[in-house]
Amino acid sequence: MRRVAASMVFVNREEAYTNHIVEIYGSRVVNHYALKSELAMTEWLGGIIVLTHADDIDLEGVQSVGDFFSRIEKAEPPQSRYLKAYHLKNVDIATRTLTPNSRIYLIEEDGNSFIE
């Protein structure tokens, strides 16, 4: 199992948590909770993590977290098997916009898969 933490974790467009931990097994989210104290074997990723059931998200030209959610809503199946976690790296947290250096990764137990 891999345990990662981020500045913000979005469960959906309206529900976000600050300083939150996400636990990953394979490519599945098995748990998420508030970061209340330092935990051993926790990797700080920073940026934003978005939890979703969506597969095959069209990421061409994504400009913001809101835009990412619009893509998720188009791709998310009505009945899904499990949650996945996407890391939006080098995002302007205050404006929730992507920068030229931003990257989007699928977080997996053995590493991240760059998908943009």
Protein backbone atom coordinates (compact mmCIF):
# COMPACT_ATOMS: atom_id res chain seq x y z
CA MET A 1 0.00 0.00 0.00
CA ARG A 2 1.14 3.54 -0.76
CA ARG A 3 0.17 6.51 1.42
CA VAL A 4 0.34 10.00 -0.14
CA ALA A 5 -0.62 13.44 1.09
CA ALA A 6 -1.55 16.64 -0.73
CA SER A 7 -2.41 20.24 0.00
CA MET A 8 -5.93 19.66 -1.33
CA VAL A 9 -7.91 16.50 -2.06
CA PHE A 10 -11.14 16.79 -4.03
CA VAL A 11 -13.78 14.09 -3.56
CA ASN A 12 -16.05 15.90 -6.03
CA ARG A 13 -16.38 19.39 -7.50
CA GLU A 14 -17.88 20.83 -4.29
CA GLU A 15 -16.10 18.78 -1.62
CA ALA A 16 -12.41 19.41 -1.00
CA TYR A 17 -10.18 18.78 2.01
CA THR A 18 -6.93 20.49 2.90
CA ASN A 19 -3.89 18.54 4.08
CA HIS A 20 -5.39 15.15 3.37
CA ILE A 21 -4.00 11.63 3.04
CA VAL A 22 -4.95 9.10 0.36
CA GLU A 23 -4.06 5.40 0.59
CA ILE A 24 -3.58 3.53 -2.69
CA TYR A 25 -3.49 -0.22 -3.30
CA GLY A 26 -2.58 -1.04 -6.90
CA SER A 27 -4.36 1.83 -8.65
CA ARG A 28 -7.35 1.85 -6.27
CA VAL A 29 -8.08 4.32 -3.50
CA VAL A 30 -8.71 2.25 -0.37
CA ASN A 31 -8.98 5.08 2.15
CA HIS A 32 -8.64 8.85 2.59
CA TYR A 33 -8.60 10.95 5.74
CA ALA A 34 -7.35 14.18 7.31
CA LEU A 35 -3.64 14.59 7.99
CA LYS A 36 -3.65 15.27 11.72
CA SER A 37 -0.05 14.41 12.51
CA GLU A 38 3.02 13.17 10.71
CA LEU A 39 2.68 9.51 9.72
CA ALA A 40 5.57 7.19 8.91
CA MET A 41 5.78 6.04 5.30
CA THR A 42 3.65 8.92 3.99
CA GLU A 43 4.82 10.65 0.82
CA TRP A 44 4.01 14.37 0.54
CA LEU A 45 3.02 15.09 -3.07
CA GLY A 46 1.67 18.58 -2.52
CA GLY A 47 -0.55 20.08 -5.18
CA ILE A 48 -4.03 18.68 -5.71
CA ILE A 49 -5.35 15.13 -5.75
CA VAL A 50 -8.71 14.42 -7.37
CA LEU A 51 -10.56 11.19 -6.54
CA THR A 52 -12.80 9.82 -9.29
CA HIS A 53 -14.36 6.71 -10.76
CA ALA A 54 -13.76 7.98 -14.30
CA ASP A 55 -11.74 6.14 -16.93
CA ASP A 56 -10.41 7.47 -20.23
CA ILE A 57 -10.51 11.15 -19.33
CA ASP A 58 -9.81 13.51 -22.25
CA LEU A 59 -7.06 15.74 -20.85
CA GLU A 60 -6.20 17.65 -24.01
CA GLY A 61 -5.96 21.34 -23.09
CA VAL A 62 -7.08 21.09 -19.45
CA GLN A 63 -6.60 24.57 -17.96
CA SER A 64 -8.03 24.37 -14.44
CA VAL A 65 -9.37 22.10 -11.72
CA GLY A 66 -12.91 23.07 -12.82
CA ASP A 67 -12.08 22.08 -16.39
CA PHE A 68 -10.67 18.76 -15.11
CA PHE A 69 -13.97 18.12 -13.31
CA SER A 70 -15.91 18.87 -16.49
CA ARG A 71 -13.85 16.19 -18.27
CA ILE A 72 -14.41 13.76 -15.38
CA GLU A 73 -18.16 14.32 -15.44
CA LYS A 74 -18.23 13.44 -19.15
CA ALA A 75 -16.14 10.28 -18.62
CA GLU A 76 -17.45 9.01 -15.27
CA PRO A 77 -19.59 5.88 -15.59
CA PRO A 78 -22.86 5.71 -13.63
CA GLN A 79 -21.77 2.51 -11.86
CA SER A 80 -18.09 2.30 -11.11
CA ARG A 81 -15.91 -0.38 -9.62
CA TYR A 82 -13.45 1.72 -7.61
CA LEU A 83 -11.97 5.15 -7.00
CA LYS A 84 -8.74 6.28 -8.62
CA ALA A 85 -6.57 9.22 -7.59
CA TYR A 86 -5.13 11.76 -10.02
CA HIS A 87 -2.34 14.07 -8.91
CA LEU A 88 -2.36 17.54 -10.44
CA LYS A 89 1.24 18.62 -9.93
CA ASN A 90 2.50 22.24 -10.06
CA VAL A 91 -1.00 23.72 -9.92
CA ASP A 92 -1.64 27.26 -8.69
CA ILE A 93 -3.56 26.29 -5.54
CA ALA A 94 -5.03 29.78 -4.97
CA THR A 95 -6.61 30.05 -8.44
CA ARG A 96 -6.86 26.28 -9.07
CA THR A 97 -5.36 26.74 -12.51
CA LEU A 98 -2.73 24.70 -14.28
CA THR A 99 0.57 26.31 -15.15
CA PRO A 100 2.89 25.54 -18.08
CA ASN A 101 4.78 23.19 -15.72
CA SER A 102 1.66 21.36 -14.50
CA ARG A 103 1.34 17.62 -15.04
CA ILE A 104 -1.45 15.15 -14.37
CA TYR A 105 -0.60 11.69 -13.06
CA LEU A 106 -2.61 8.63 -12.13
CA ILE A 107 -1.30 7.72 -8.68
CA GLU A 108 -0.45 4.04 -8.38
CA GLU A 109 1.05 1.95 -5.62
CA ASP A 110 4.31 1.41 -7.50
CA GLY A 111 4.64 4.95 -8.87
CA ASN A 112 2.77 7.48 -10.96
CA SER A 113 1.59 7.12 -14.54
CA PHE A 114 1.97 10.36 -16.49
CA ILE A 115 -1.23 10.63 -18.52
CA GLU A 116 -1.17 14.11 -20.05
